[in-house]
Amino acid sequence: MKFTRVIFTVPAVVLALSVQALGHELWIEPENYQVEPGAPLSAQIKNGEGFQGINQAWFDRRIDRVEQLQNGNLAPVTGRAGDIPALHLPDAGDGLLVLAYQSTAQTLTYRDWATFTDFVEHKALAGTLQRHAARDLPETGFKEAYSRHAKALVAVGDGRGSDRDLGLKTEFVALENPYSDDMADGLTVRLLYQGAPRDNAQVEVFARAPDGAVTITTTRTDENGQAVISVAPGHDYLLDAVVMREPAPALAEETGVVWESLWAALTFRVPG
């Protein structure tokens, strides 16, 4: 089912309540999506809802890997504990730069059933509630592990280049370049899970206009795991998709979780 809604900046307390109710996204937000070659590049790791959130510091214990891809070369990105912005590149090279972030698994406990069902329905995690009942799991007091798998596309200089599969547990791969390709027919992306295309999955699309208004729509991937995202000049975009799965026995034994969610995110700008 496709829906559209428009939101504006809201007070932090209201945002916090909505995050708790429906789950929340994590994404990489460059301070500038287009920079000159050799210029420093900084990017925030942001956590929130509706393409509005708070800045997260670099925290080693919550980071599994951070990398940069440019001109076919993949290299690690290091950081310093407590840094905000969390990501710093002192001298970006020319071409499309892909930033990638994968977190370690964190856990949360559901204290009421409505919070879980709202989240499952919002993220269109079909079959989850039925599997929950079939596994004879409780409706309160159960735990979920979650991890984040975020990428961002930044144009350095001419911004030419391409994205590719970076081997994250789940990820978006941009099949076109929003900075150098014709976006009249939209941007095509592929959603992967464990390296394979994920078909018939919901993709939530957050589009932020130059005036700050955020429009939220949903679409679904096709049989090849692809989706075409309608885009407009001068807008920033966040794509989000969630996998819900039963945890591996080792994770379940170590943490007591009964579910594991994997969140994929991709951010980019379409030049105005």
C-alpha atoms as a PDB file:
ATOM      1  CA  MET A   1       0.000   0.000   0.000  1.00  0.00           C
ATOM      2  CA  LYS A   2       1.337   3.411  -0.939  1.00  0.00           C
ATOM      3  CA  PHE A   3       0.872   6.472   1.239  1.00  0.00           C
ATOM      4  CA  THR A   4       2.067  10.040   1.316  1.00  0.00           C
ATOM      5  CA  ARG A   5       2.316  12.446   4.224  1.00  0.00           C
ATOM      6  CA  VAL A   6       4.053  15.750   4.820  1.00  0.00           C
ATOM      7  CA  ILE A   7       5.637  16.759   8.128  1.00  0.00           C
ATOM      8  CA  PHE A   8       7.449  19.811   9.440  1.00  0.00           C
ATOM      9  CA  THR A   9       9.874  20.371  12.292  1.00  0.00           C
ATOM     10  CA  VAL A  10       8.403  19.215  15.612  1.00  0.00           C
ATOM     11  CA  PRO A  11       9.454  19.730  19.241  1.00  0.00           C
ATOM     12  CA  ALA A  12      12.027  17.249  20.508  1.00  0.00           C
ATOM     13  CA  VAL A  13       9.681  15.748  23.101  1.00  0.00           C
ATOM     14  CA  VAL A  14       7.047  15.020  20.446  1.00  0.00           C
ATOM     15  CA  LEU A  15       9.706  13.477  18.222  1.00  0.00           C
ATOM     16  CA  ALA A  16      10.879  11.270  21.074  1.00  0.00           C
ATOM     17  CA  LEU A  17       7.354   9.998  21.687  1.00  0.00           C
ATOM     18  CA  SER A  18       6.793   9.207  18.006  1.00  0.00           C
ATOM     19  CA  VAL A  19      10.146   7.406  17.828  1.00  0.00           C
ATOM     20  CA  GLN A  20       9.148   5.137  20.675  1.00  0.00           C
ATOM     21  CA  ALA A  21       5.784   4.426  19.073  1.00  0.00           C
ATOM     22  CA  LEU A  22       6.839   3.566  15.518  1.00  0.00           C
ATOM     23  CA  GLY A  23      10.521   2.769  15.562  1.00  0.00           C
ATOM     24  CA  HIS A  24      13.210   5.107  14.281  1.00  0.00           C
ATOM     25  CA  GLU A  25      15.676   5.386  11.455  1.00  0.00           C
ATOM     26  CA  LEU A  26      19.440   5.894  11.495  1.00  0.00           C
ATOM     27  CA  TRP A  27      21.174   7.524   8.540  1.00  0.00           C
ATOM     28  CA  ILE A  28      24.344   9.265   7.418  1.00  0.00           C
ATOM     29  CA  GLU A  29      23.810  12.968   6.715  1.00  0.00           C
ATOM     30  CA  PRO A  30      26.778  14.768   5.116  1.00  0.00           C
ATOM     31  CA  GLU A  31      27.128  18.411   6.095  1.00  0.00           C
ATOM     32  CA  ASN A  32      27.486  19.024   2.339  1.00  0.00           C
ATOM     33  CA  TYR A  33      26.402  16.532  -0.314  1.00  0.00           C
ATOM     34  CA  GLN A  34      28.579  18.266  -2.925  1.00  0.00           C
ATOM     35  CA  VAL A  35      32.164  19.332  -2.144  1.00  0.00           C
ATOM     36  CA  GLU A  36      35.263  20.318  -4.079  1.00  0.00           C
ATOM     37  CA  PRO A  37      38.160  17.847  -4.480  1.00  0.00           C
ATOM     38  CA  GLY A  38      40.655  18.113  -1.631  1.00  0.00           C
ATOM     39  CA  ALA A  39      38.145  19.780   0.670  1.00  0.00           C
ATOM     40  CA  PRO A  40      37.351  18.237   4.062  1.00  0.00           C
ATOM     41  CA  LEU A  41      34.103  16.293   4.335  1.00  0.00           C
ATOM     42  CA  SER A  42      32.139  15.760   7.537  1.00  0.00           C
ATOM     43  CA  ALA A  43      28.986  13.745   8.034  1.00  0.00           C
ATOM     44  CA  GLN A  44      26.620  13.214  10.937  1.00  0.00           C
ATOM     45  CA  ILE A  45      25.273   9.855  12.025  1.00  0.00           C
ATOM     46  CA  LYS A  46      21.685  10.788  12.811  1.00  0.00           C
ATOM     47  CA  ASN A  47      18.968   8.915  14.664  1.00  0.00           C
ATOM     48  CA  GLY A  48      15.313   9.907  14.585  1.00  0.00           C
ATOM     49  CA  GLU A  49      12.077   9.768  12.661  1.00  0.00           C
ATOM     50  CA  GLY A  50      10.676  11.609   9.671  1.00  0.00           C
ATOM     51  CA  PHE A  51      14.165  12.617   8.437  1.00  0.00           C
ATOM     52  CA  GLN A  52      14.606  14.641  11.651  1.00  0.00           C
ATOM     53  CA  GLY A  53      16.833  13.458  14.434  1.00  0.00           C
ATOM     54  CA  ILE A  54      19.705  13.928  16.817  1.00  0.00           C
ATOM     55  CA  ASN A  55      23.407  13.666  16.045  1.00  0.00           C
ATOM     56  CA  GLN A  56      25.200  10.567  17.298  1.00  0.00           C
ATOM     57  CA  ALA A  57      28.815  10.627  18.458  1.00  0.00           C
ATOM     58  CA  TRP A  58      31.454   8.176  17.283  1.00  0.00           C
ATOM     59  CA  PHE A  59      31.247   5.291  19.784  1.00  0.00           C
ATOM     60  CA  ASP A  60      33.545   2.333  19.118  1.00  0.00           C
ATOM     61  CA  ARG A  61      31.402  -0.230  20.922  1.00  0.00           C
ATOM     62  CA  ARG A  62      28.447   0.491  18.649  1.00  0.00           C
ATOM     63  CA  ILE A  63      30.385   0.403  15.378  1.00  0.00           C
ATOM     64  CA  ASP A  64      31.069  -2.764  13.415  1.00  0.00           C
ATOM     65  CA  ARG A  65      32.538  -1.080  10.316  1.00  0.00           C
ATOM     66  CA  VAL A  66      32.752   2.310   8.600  1.00  0.00           C
ATOM     67  CA  GLU A  67      34.123   2.545   5.067  1.00  0.00           C
ATOM     68  CA  GLN A  68      34.418   4.785   2.035  1.00  0.00           C
ATOM     69  CA  LEU A  69      34.161   3.709  -1.596  1.00  0.00           C
ATOM     70  CA  GLN A  70      35.502   5.931  -4.361  1.00  0.00           C
ATOM     71  CA  ASN A  71      36.699   5.130  -7.866  1.00  0.00           C
ATOM     72  CA  GLY A  72      36.400   1.432  -7.122  1.00  0.00           C
ATOM     73  CA  ASN A  73      38.608   1.593  -4.024  1.00  0.00           C
ATOM     74  CA  LEU A  74      37.179   0.589  -0.647  1.00  0.00           C
ATOM     75  CA  ALA A  75      38.982   1.883   2.448  1.00  0.00           C
ATOM     76  CA  PRO A  76      38.218   1.987   6.191  1.00  0.00           C
ATOM     77  CA  VAL A  77      37.172   5.208   7.895  1.00  0.00           C
ATOM     78  CA  THR A  78      38.431   5.747  11.433  1.00  0.00           C
ATOM     79  CA  GLY A  79      37.059   8.051  14.082  1.00  0.00           C
ATOM     80  CA  ARG A  80      37.665   9.395  17.542  1.00  0.00           C
ATOM     81  CA  ALA A  81      35.457   8.603  20.523  1.00  0.00           C
ATOM     82  CA  GLY A  82      32.901  11.325  21.193  1.00  0.00           C
ATOM     83  CA  ASP A  83      33.327  13.124  17.866  1.00  0.00           C
ATOM     84  CA  ILE A  84      30.282  15.016  16.531  1.00  0.00           C
ATOM     85  CA  PRO A  85      30.094  14.999  13.522  1.00  0.00           C
ATOM     86  CA  ALA A  86      31.103  11.371  13.817  1.00  0.00           C
ATOM     87  CA  LEU A  87      32.620  11.051  10.346  1.00  0.00           C
ATOM     88  CA  HIS A  88      35.520  13.148   9.041  1.00  0.00           C
ATOM     89  CA  LEU A  89      37.496  12.855   5.806  1.00  0.00           C
ATOM     90  CA  PRO A  90      40.291  15.446   5.631  1.00  0.00           C
ATOM     91  CA  ASP A  91      40.674  15.561   1.842  1.00  0.00           C
ATOM     92  CA  ALA A  92      38.098  13.832  -0.311  1.00  0.00           C
ATOM     93  CA  GLY A  93      39.219  12.760  -3.780  1.00  0.00           C
ATOM     94  CA  ASP A  94      37.396  13.508  -7.034  1.00  0.00           C
ATOM     95  CA  GLY A  95      34.346  11.430  -7.964  1.00  0.00           C
ATOM     96  CA  LEU A  96      31.321   9.823  -6.327  1.00  0.00           C
ATOM     97  CA  LEU A  97      32.061   9.006  -2.675  1.00  0.00           C
ATOM     98  CA  VAL A  98      30.020   6.330  -0.918  1.00  0.00           C
ATOM     99  CA  LEU A  99      30.085   6.335   2.879  1.00  0.00           C
ATOM    100  CA  ALA A 100      29.005   3.119   4.609  1.00  0.00           C
ATOM    101  CA  TYR A 101      28.256   2.452   8.279  1.00  0.00           C
ATOM    102  CA  GLN A 102      27.329  -0.835   9.934  1.00  0.00           C
ATOM    103  CA  SER A 103      26.549  -0.923  13.644  1.00  0.00           C
ATOM    104  CA  THR A 104      26.915  -3.683  16.165  1.00  0.00           C
ATOM    105  CA  ALA A 105      23.709  -5.244  17.462  1.00  0.00           C
ATOM    106  CA  GLN A 106      21.874  -3.391  20.229  1.00  0.00           C
ATOM    107  CA  THR A 107      18.837  -4.637  22.154  1.00  0.00           C
ATOM    108  CA  LEU A 108      15.493  -3.285  23.289  1.00  0.00           C
ATOM    109  CA  THR A 109      12.634  -4.706  25.346  1.00  0.00           C
ATOM    110  CA  TYR A 110       8.972  -4.404  24.349  1.00  0.00           C
ATOM    111  CA  ARG A 111       6.901  -3.508  27.392  1.00  0.00           C
ATOM    112  CA  ASP A 112       3.557  -3.520  25.586  1.00  0.00           C
ATOM    113  CA  TRP A 113       2.159  -5.383  22.604  1.00  0.00           C
ATOM    114  CA  ALA A 114       0.837  -2.300  20.807  1.00  0.00           C
ATOM    115  CA  THR A 115       4.338  -0.860  20.374  1.00  0.00           C
ATOM    116  CA  PHE A 116       5.485  -4.033  18.628  1.00  0.00           C
ATOM    117  CA  THR A 117       2.408  -4.363  16.417  1.00  0.00           C
ATOM    118  CA  ASP A 118       2.602  -0.665  15.429  1.00  0.00           C
ATOM    119  CA  PHE A 119       6.225  -1.098  14.433  1.00  0.00           C
ATOM    120  CA  VAL A 120       5.571  -4.302  12.472  1.00  0.00           C
ATOM    121  CA  GLU A 121       2.659  -2.728  10.606  1.00  0.00           C
ATOM    122  CA  HIS A 122       4.502   0.558   9.942  1.00  0.00           C
ATOM    123  CA  LYS A 123       7.486  -1.253   8.423  1.00  0.00           C
ATOM    124  CA  ALA A 124       5.241  -3.773   6.587  1.00  0.00           C
ATOM    125  CA  LEU A 125       6.960  -6.806   8.133  1.00  0.00           C
ATOM    126  CA  ALA A 126       4.496  -9.338   6.776  1.00  0.00           C
ATOM    127  CA  GLY A 127       4.074 -12.575   8.690  1.00  0.00           C
ATOM    128  CA  THR A 128       5.920 -11.379  11.797  1.00  0.00           C
ATOM    129  CA  LEU A 129       2.898 -11.341  14.096  1.00  0.00           C
ATOM    130  CA  GLN A 130       1.801 -14.770  12.858  1.00  0.00           C
ATOM    131  CA  ARG A 131       5.286 -16.182  13.450  1.00  0.00           C
ATOM    132  CA  HIS A 132       5.358 -14.578  16.896  1.00  0.00           C
ATOM    133  CA  ALA A 133       2.163 -16.424  17.824  1.00  0.00           C
ATOM    134  CA  ALA A 134       3.309 -19.684  16.218  1.00  0.00           C
ATOM    135  CA  ARG A 135       6.500 -19.591  18.284  1.00  0.00           C
ATOM    136  CA  ASP A 136       4.363 -19.117  21.411  1.00  0.00           C
ATOM    137  CA  LEU A 137       6.230 -15.947  22.377  1.00  0.00           C
ATOM    138  CA  PRO A 138       4.923 -13.574  25.070  1.00  0.00           C
ATOM    139  CA  GLU A 139       3.238 -10.303  24.129  1.00  0.00           C
ATOM    140  CA  THR A 140       5.184  -8.266  26.695  1.00  0.00           C
ATOM    141  CA  GLY A 141       8.676  -8.322  28.120  1.00  0.00           C
ATOM    142  CA  PHE A 142      10.366  -9.817  25.062  1.00  0.00           C
ATOM    143  CA  LYS A 143      13.583  -8.542  23.502  1.00  0.00           C
ATOM    144  CA  GLU A 144      14.713  -7.623  19.998  1.00  0.00           C
ATOM    145  CA  ALA A 145      18.213  -7.055  18.649  1.00  0.00           C
ATOM    146  CA  TYR A 146      18.654  -4.441  15.951  1.00  0.00           C
ATOM    147  CA  SER A 147      21.522  -3.257  13.767  1.00  0.00           C
ATOM    148  CA  ARG A 148      21.963  -0.411  11.266  1.00  0.00           C
ATOM    149  CA  HIS A 149      23.360  -0.565   7.744  1.00  0.00           C
ATOM    150  CA  ALA A 150      23.547   2.947   6.308  1.00  0.00           C
ATOM    151  CA  LYS A 151      25.099   4.412   3.163  1.00  0.00           C
ATOM    152  CA  ALA A 152      25.350   7.943   1.775  1.00  0.00           C
ATOM    153  CA  LEU A 153      26.219   9.227  -1.692  1.00  0.00           C
ATOM    154  CA  VAL A 154      28.368  12.371  -1.873  1.00  0.00           C
ATOM    155  CA  ALA A 155      29.570  14.161  -5.008  1.00  0.00           C
ATOM    156  CA  VAL A 156      33.197  15.286  -4.860  1.00  0.00           C
ATOM    157  CA  GLY A 157      34.096  17.480  -7.815  1.00  0.00           C
ATOM    158  CA  ASP A 158      32.214  16.141 -10.842  1.00  0.00           C
ATOM    159  CA  GLY A 159      30.738  13.364  -8.676  1.00  0.00           C
ATOM    160  CA  ARG A 160      31.081  10.751 -11.410  1.00  0.00           C
ATOM    161  CA  GLY A 161      31.264   7.114 -10.396  1.00  0.00           C
ATOM    162  CA  SER A 162      29.044   4.314  -9.190  1.00  0.00           C
ATOM    163  CA  ASP A 163      27.860   2.554  -6.064  1.00  0.00           C
ATOM    164  CA  ARG A 164      28.173  -1.208  -5.571  1.00  0.00           C
ATOM    165  CA  ASP A 165      27.438  -4.008  -3.143  1.00  0.00           C
ATOM    166  CA  LEU A 166      29.684  -3.458  -0.122  1.00  0.00           C
ATOM    167  CA  GLY A 167      28.766  -6.665   1.673  1.00  0.00           C
ATOM    168  CA  LEU A 168      26.634  -5.159   4.430  1.00  0.00           C
ATOM    169  CA  LYS A 169      24.111  -7.555   5.948  1.00  0.00           C
ATOM    170  CA  THR A 170      21.406  -5.548   4.192  1.00  0.00           C
ATOM    171  CA  GLU A 171      21.928  -2.500   1.998  1.00  0.00           C
ATOM    172  CA  PHE A 172      20.679  -0.317  -0.806  1.00  0.00           C
ATOM    173  CA  VAL A 173      22.787  -0.131  -3.952  1.00  0.00           C
ATOM    174  CA  ALA A 174      22.183   2.888  -6.177  1.00  0.00           C
ATOM    175  CA  LEU A 175      22.093   1.672  -9.769  1.00  0.00           C
ATOM    176  CA  GLU A 176      22.269   5.243 -11.038  1.00  0.00           C
ATOM    177  CA  ASN A 177      24.199   8.324  -9.937  1.00  0.00           C
ATOM    178  CA  PRO A 178      21.950  11.198  -8.788  1.00  0.00           C
ATOM    179  CA  TYR A 179      24.751  13.728  -9.383  1.00  0.00           C
ATOM    180  CA  SER A 180      25.660  12.806 -12.964  1.00  0.00           C
ATOM    181  CA  ASP A 181      22.773  10.804 -14.471  1.00  0.00           C
ATOM    182  CA  ASP A 182      19.410  11.981 -15.797  1.00  0.00           C
ATOM    183  CA  MET A 183      16.914  11.734 -12.936  1.00  0.00           C
ATOM    184  CA  ALA A 184      13.831  12.573 -15.023  1.00  0.00           C
ATOM    185  CA  ASP A 185      12.609   8.973 -14.720  1.00  0.00           C
ATOM    186  CA  GLY A 186      13.714   8.603 -11.103  1.00  0.00           C
ATOM    187  CA  LEU A 187      16.608   6.857  -9.372  1.00  0.00           C
ATOM    188  CA  THR A 188      16.755   3.068  -9.554  1.00  0.00           C
ATOM    189  CA  VAL A 189      18.068   1.240  -6.490  1.00  0.00           C
ATOM    190  CA  ARG A 190      18.456  -2.413  -5.553  1.00  0.00           C
ATOM    191  CA  LEU A 191      17.786  -3.676  -2.034  1.00  0.00           C
ATOM    192  CA  LEU A 192      19.988  -6.533  -0.853  1.00  0.00           C
ATOM    193  CA  TYR A 193      19.749  -8.915   2.085  1.00  0.00           C
ATOM    194  CA  GLN A 194      22.723 -11.216   2.696  1.00  0.00           C
ATOM    195  CA  GLY A 195      24.009 -10.249  -0.742  1.00  0.00           C
ATOM    196  CA  ALA A 196      20.865 -11.324  -2.625  1.00  0.00           C
ATOM    197  CA  PRO A 197      18.118  -9.098  -4.081  1.00  0.00           C
ATOM    198  CA  ARG A 198      15.195  -8.697  -1.698  1.00  0.00           C
ATOM    199  CA  ASP A 199      11.920  -8.784  -3.607  1.00  0.00           C
ATOM    200  CA  ASN A 200       8.502  -7.402  -2.609  1.00  0.00           C
ATOM    201  CA  ALA A 201       9.982  -5.410   0.280  1.00  0.00           C
ATOM    202  CA  GLN A 202       8.662  -2.070   1.459  1.00  0.00           C
ATOM    203  CA  VAL A 203      10.928   0.915   0.850  1.00  0.00           C
ATOM    204  CA  GLU A 204      10.051   4.022   2.830  1.00  0.00           C
ATOM    205  CA  VAL A 205      11.082   7.215   1.033  1.00  0.00           C
ATOM    206  CA  PHE A 206      11.701  10.460   2.935  1.00  0.00           C
ATOM    207  CA  ALA A 207      12.047  13.516   0.669  1.00  0.00           C
ATOM    208  CA  ARG A 208      13.144  16.807   2.256  1.00  0.00           C
ATOM    209  CA  ALA A 209      12.415  19.923   0.219  1.00  0.00           C
ATOM    210  CA  PRO A 210      14.568  23.085   0.312  1.00  0.00           C
ATOM    211  CA  ASP A 211      12.056  24.665   2.738  1.00  0.00           C
ATOM    212  CA  GLY A 212      12.513  21.755   5.174  1.00  0.00           C
ATOM    213  CA  ALA A 213       9.170  20.078   4.564  1.00  0.00           C
ATOM    214  CA  VAL A 214       9.466  16.280   4.534  1.00  0.00           C
ATOM    215  CA  THR A 215       7.207  14.142   2.373  1.00  0.00           C
ATOM    216  CA  ILE A 216       7.038  10.427   3.170  1.00  0.00           C
ATOM    217  CA  THR A 217       5.929   7.781   0.675  1.00  0.00           C
ATOM    218  CA  THR A 218       6.343   4.045   0.319  1.00  0.00           C
ATOM    219  CA  THR A 219       7.023   1.785  -2.618  1.00  0.00           C
ATOM    220  CA  ARG A 220       7.983  -1.874  -3.020  1.00  0.00           C
ATOM    221  CA  THR A 221      10.816  -3.686  -4.705  1.00  0.00           C
ATOM    222  CA  ASP A 222      10.159  -5.849  -7.744  1.00  0.00           C
ATOM    223  CA  GLU A 223      11.194  -9.466  -8.344  1.00  0.00           C
ATOM    224  CA  ASN A 224      14.774  -8.282  -8.895  1.00  0.00           C
ATOM    225  CA  GLY A 225      14.903  -6.345  -5.646  1.00  0.00           C
ATOM    226  CA  GLN A 226      14.721  -3.061  -7.550  1.00  0.00           C
ATOM    227  CA  ALA A 227      12.653   0.065  -6.953  1.00  0.00           C
ATOM    228  CA  VAL A 228      12.457   3.315  -8.884  1.00  0.00           C
ATOM    229  CA  ILE A 229      12.419   6.356  -6.605  1.00  0.00           C
ATOM    230  CA  SER A 230      10.747   9.486  -7.972  1.00  0.00           C
ATOM    231  CA  VAL A 231      13.010  12.441  -7.189  1.00  0.00           C
ATOM    232  CA  ALA A 232      12.966  16.221  -7.533  1.00  0.00           C
ATOM    233  CA  PRO A 233      15.825  18.712  -7.942  1.00  0.00           C
ATOM    234  CA  GLY A 234      17.091  20.356  -4.761  1.00  0.00           C
ATOM    235  CA  HIS A 235      15.710  17.639  -2.468  1.00  0.00           C
ATOM    236  CA  ASP A 236      17.510  15.389   0.021  1.00  0.00           C
ATOM    237  CA  TYR A 237      16.417  11.758   0.235  1.00  0.00           C
ATOM    238  CA  LEU A 238      16.478   8.987   2.822  1.00  0.00           C
ATOM    239  CA  LEU A 239      15.489   5.446   1.853  1.00  0.00           C
ATOM    240  CA  ASP A 240      14.713   2.946   4.594  1.00  0.00           C
ATOM    241  CA  ALA A 241      13.893  -0.776   4.626  1.00  0.00           C
ATOM    242  CA  VAL A 242      13.781  -3.275   7.487  1.00  0.00           C
ATOM    243  CA  VAL A 243      14.266  -7.046   7.673  1.00  0.00           C
ATOM    244  CA  MET A 244      12.824  -8.912  10.643  1.00  0.00           C
ATOM    245  CA  ARG A 245      14.214 -12.387  11.286  1.00  0.00           C
ATOM    246  CA  GLU A 246      14.614 -14.951  14.015  1.00  0.00           C
ATOM    247  CA  PRO A 247      17.990 -14.493  15.726  1.00  0.00           C
ATOM    248  CA  ALA A 248      20.843 -16.930  15.320  1.00  0.00           C
ATOM    249  CA  PRO A 249      21.054 -19.346  18.282  1.00  0.00           C
ATOM    250  CA  ALA A 250      24.299 -17.778  19.535  1.00  0.00           C
ATOM    251  CA  LEU A 251      22.798 -14.265  19.555  1.00  0.00           C
ATOM    252  CA  ALA A 252      19.618 -15.492  21.229  1.00  0.00           C
ATOM    253  CA  GLU A 253      21.574 -17.316  23.924  1.00  0.00           C
ATOM    254  CA  GLU A 254      23.913 -14.398  24.562  1.00  0.00           C
ATOM    255  CA  THR A 255      21.300 -11.629  24.706  1.00  0.00           C
ATOM    256  CA  GLY A 256      17.938 -13.314  25.290  1.00  0.00           C
ATOM    257  CA  VAL A 257      16.417 -11.750  22.171  1.00  0.00           C
ATOM    258  CA  VAL A 258      13.628 -13.475  20.246  1.00  0.00           C
ATOM    259  CA  TRP A 259      13.725 -11.209  17.151  1.00  0.00           C
ATOM    260  CA  GLU A 260      16.437  -9.454  15.170  1.00  0.00           C
ATOM    261  CA  SER A 261      15.799  -6.474  12.896  1.00  0.00           C
ATOM    262  CA  LEU A 262      18.261  -5.255  10.251  1.00  0.00           C
ATOM    263  CA  TRP A 263      17.792  -1.687   8.971  1.00  0.00           C
ATOM    264  CA  ALA A 264      19.055  -0.501   5.590  1.00  0.00           C
ATOM    265  CA  ALA A 265      19.328   3.216   4.796  1.00  0.00           C
ATOM    266  CA  LEU A 266      20.563   5.289   1.859  1.00  0.00           C
ATOM    267  CA  THR A 267      20.861   9.092   1.723  1.00  0.00           C
ATOM    268  CA  PHE A 268      21.639  11.353  -1.219  1.00  0.00           C
ATOM    269  CA  ARG A 269      20.771  14.717  -2.762  1.00  0.00           C
ATOM    270  CA  VAL A 270      19.470  15.533  -6.211  1.00  0.00           C
ATOM    271  CA  PRO A 271      21.182  18.748  -7.368  1.00  0.00           C
ATOM    272  CA  GLY A 272      18.889  21.738  -7.873  1.00  0.00           C
END
